[in-house]
């Protein structure tokens, strides 16, 4: 697995409404800083933060900005667009932003997020 494939897997899992698939991309003690949920740590807290995000039922598309690898660490960034989501009140949610993520290569050669900042580089 190439480190930038973690973004592909995130997009595929989100678009398939696959919470377990999303959680499999995070190390057990990872940090996610996610808008309404603030900064959370650990997969239990990340699960709770991702549930309302998945409930939007939108579609994510993105363009890679960069992937810098240093040994077993990778610094990544994508520009994403979420379209067609629906808020709990039924209003349409369209969102975009620029991420910053730090991932680490696992013993099996896959990559998992250590730090995920979905809007970390959004102007």
Protein backbone atom coordinates (compact mmCIF):
# COMPACT_ATOMS: atom_id res chain seq x y z
CA UNK A 1 0.00 0.00 0.00
CA UNK A 2 1.29 3.44 -0.89
CA UNK A 3 0.70 6.05 1.82
CA UNK A 4 -1.53 8.21 -0.37
CA UNK A 5 -3.88 5.24 -0.78
CA UNK A 6 -5.15 5.95 2.73
CA UNK A 7 -7.04 8.89 1.22
CA UNK A 8 -8.51 6.60 -1.45
CA UNK A 9 -9.66 4.17 1.22
CA UNK A 10 -11.17 6.97 3.30
CA UNK A 11 -13.15 8.22 0.28
CA UNK A 12 -14.32 4.72 -0.63
CA UNK A 13 -15.40 3.96 2.96
CA UNK A 14 -17.20 7.30 3.35
CA UNK A 15 -19.02 6.97 0.03
CA UNK A 16 -20.06 3.41 1.01
CA UNK A 17 -21.26 4.64 4.44
CA UNK A 18 -18.80 2.17 6.03
CA UNK A 19 -18.01 3.30 9.58
CA UNK A 20 -15.87 0.25 10.34
CA UNK A 21 -13.91 0.84 7.14
CA UNK A 22 -13.22 4.42 8.23
CA UNK A 23 -12.16 3.39 11.73
CA UNK A 24 -9.77 0.79 10.32
CA UNK A 25 -7.75 3.70 8.90
CA UNK A 26 -6.88 5.12 12.34
CA UNK A 27 -4.33 3.96 14.87
CA UNK A 28 -5.86 3.09 18.25
CA UNK A 29 -4.62 6.33 19.86
CA UNK A 30 -5.02 8.62 16.82
CA UNK A 31 -6.17 12.23 17.00
CA UNK A 32 -8.98 13.66 14.85
CA UNK A 33 -9.83 17.34 14.97
CA UNK A 34 -13.24 17.53 13.39
CA UNK A 35 -15.30 20.72 13.32
CA UNK A 36 -18.33 20.24 15.54
CA UNK A 37 -16.69 17.43 17.55
CA UNK A 38 -13.52 19.36 18.32
CA UNK A 39 -10.34 17.39 18.98
CA UNK A 40 -10.89 13.75 19.88
CA UNK A 41 -8.41 10.99 20.61
CA UNK A 42 -8.74 7.22 20.27
CA UNK A 43 -10.91 5.13 18.04
CA UNK A 44 -13.94 5.17 20.36
CA UNK A 45 -14.05 8.97 20.31
CA UNK A 46 -13.27 9.02 16.58
CA UNK A 47 -16.19 6.64 15.98
CA UNK A 48 -18.53 8.99 17.85
CA UNK A 49 -17.25 11.97 15.82
CA UNK A 50 -17.66 10.19 12.48
CA UNK A 51 -21.23 8.93 13.02
CA UNK A 52 -22.90 12.34 12.33
CA UNK A 53 -20.50 12.92 9.43
CA UNK A 54 -21.59 9.66 7.81
CA UNK A 55 -25.23 10.52 8.53
CA UNK A 56 -24.94 13.40 6.03
CA UNK A 57 -24.91 10.71 3.31
CA UNK A 58 -23.05 12.94 0.89
CA UNK A 59 -20.41 12.04 -1.66
CA UNK A 60 -16.75 12.89 -1.18
CA UNK A 61 -14.41 13.62 -4.06
CA UNK A 62 -10.90 15.03 -3.77
CA UNK A 63 -7.63 15.95 -5.41
CA UNK A 64 -4.28 15.07 -3.90
CA UNK A 65 -2.14 18.04 -2.93
CA UNK A 66 0.92 16.24 -1.61
CA UNK A 67 2.31 13.16 0.08
CA UNK A 68 5.71 13.53 1.73
CA UNK A 69 7.25 10.36 3.10
CA UNK A 70 9.96 10.24 5.75
CA UNK A 71 10.73 6.68 6.77
CA UNK A 72 7.56 5.21 8.28
CA UNK A 73 5.76 8.58 8.44
CA UNK A 74 3.82 10.35 5.71
CA UNK A 75 2.46 13.89 5.69
CA UNK A 76 -0.52 14.11 3.36
CA UNK A 77 -2.96 16.69 2.11
CA UNK A 78 -5.99 16.62 -0.16
CA UNK A 79 -8.49 19.22 -1.31
CA UNK A 80 -11.92 17.64 -0.79
CA UNK A 81 -15.48 18.39 -1.74
CA UNK A 82 -18.52 16.91 -0.03
CA UNK A 83 -21.67 17.22 -2.11
CA UNK A 84 -25.28 16.20 -1.72
CA UNK A 85 -25.26 15.69 2.01
CA UNK A 86 -28.32 16.34 4.16
CA UNK A 87 -28.26 17.87 7.62
CA UNK A 88 -30.66 16.50 10.28
CA UNK A 89 -33.08 19.34 9.43
CA UNK A 90 -33.09 18.25 5.77
CA UNK A 91 -31.06 21.16 4.46
CA UNK A 92 -28.45 20.42 1.80
CA UNK A 93 -24.85 20.27 2.98
CA UNK A 94 -22.07 20.98 0.50
CA UNK A 95 -18.63 21.48 1.99
CA UNK A 96 -15.04 21.72 0.89
CA UNK A 97 -11.69 22.06 2.53
CA UNK A 98 -8.04 21.14 2.57
CA UNK A 99 -6.74 18.48 4.91
CA UNK A 100 -3.49 17.82 6.71
CA UNK A 101 -2.85 14.25 7.86
CA UNK A 102 0.03 12.39 9.43
CA UNK A 103 0.05 8.65 8.79
CA UNK A 104 2.37 5.86 9.93
CA UNK A 105 3.31 2.67 8.13
CA UNK A 106 2.13 -0.39 10.03
CA UNK A 107 4.04 -3.67 10.38
CA UNK A 108 1.85 -5.22 7.67
CA UNK A 109 2.76 -2.44 5.20
CA UNK A 110 -0.55 -0.58 5.42
CA UNK A 111 -0.80 3.03 6.57
CA UNK A 112 -2.98 4.45 9.33
CA UNK A 113 -3.72 7.97 10.46
CA UNK A 114 -1.97 9.24 13.57
CA UNK A 115 -3.33 12.77 13.18
CA UNK A 116 -6.21 13.77 10.92
CA UNK A 117 -7.08 17.43 10.50
CA UNK A 118 -9.86 17.55 7.87
CA UNK A 119 -9.69 21.33 7.69
CA UNK A 120 -6.09 21.73 8.82
CA UNK A 121 -5.02 23.65 5.71
CA UNK A 122 -8.34 25.23 4.73
CA UNK A 123 -7.83 28.94 4.09
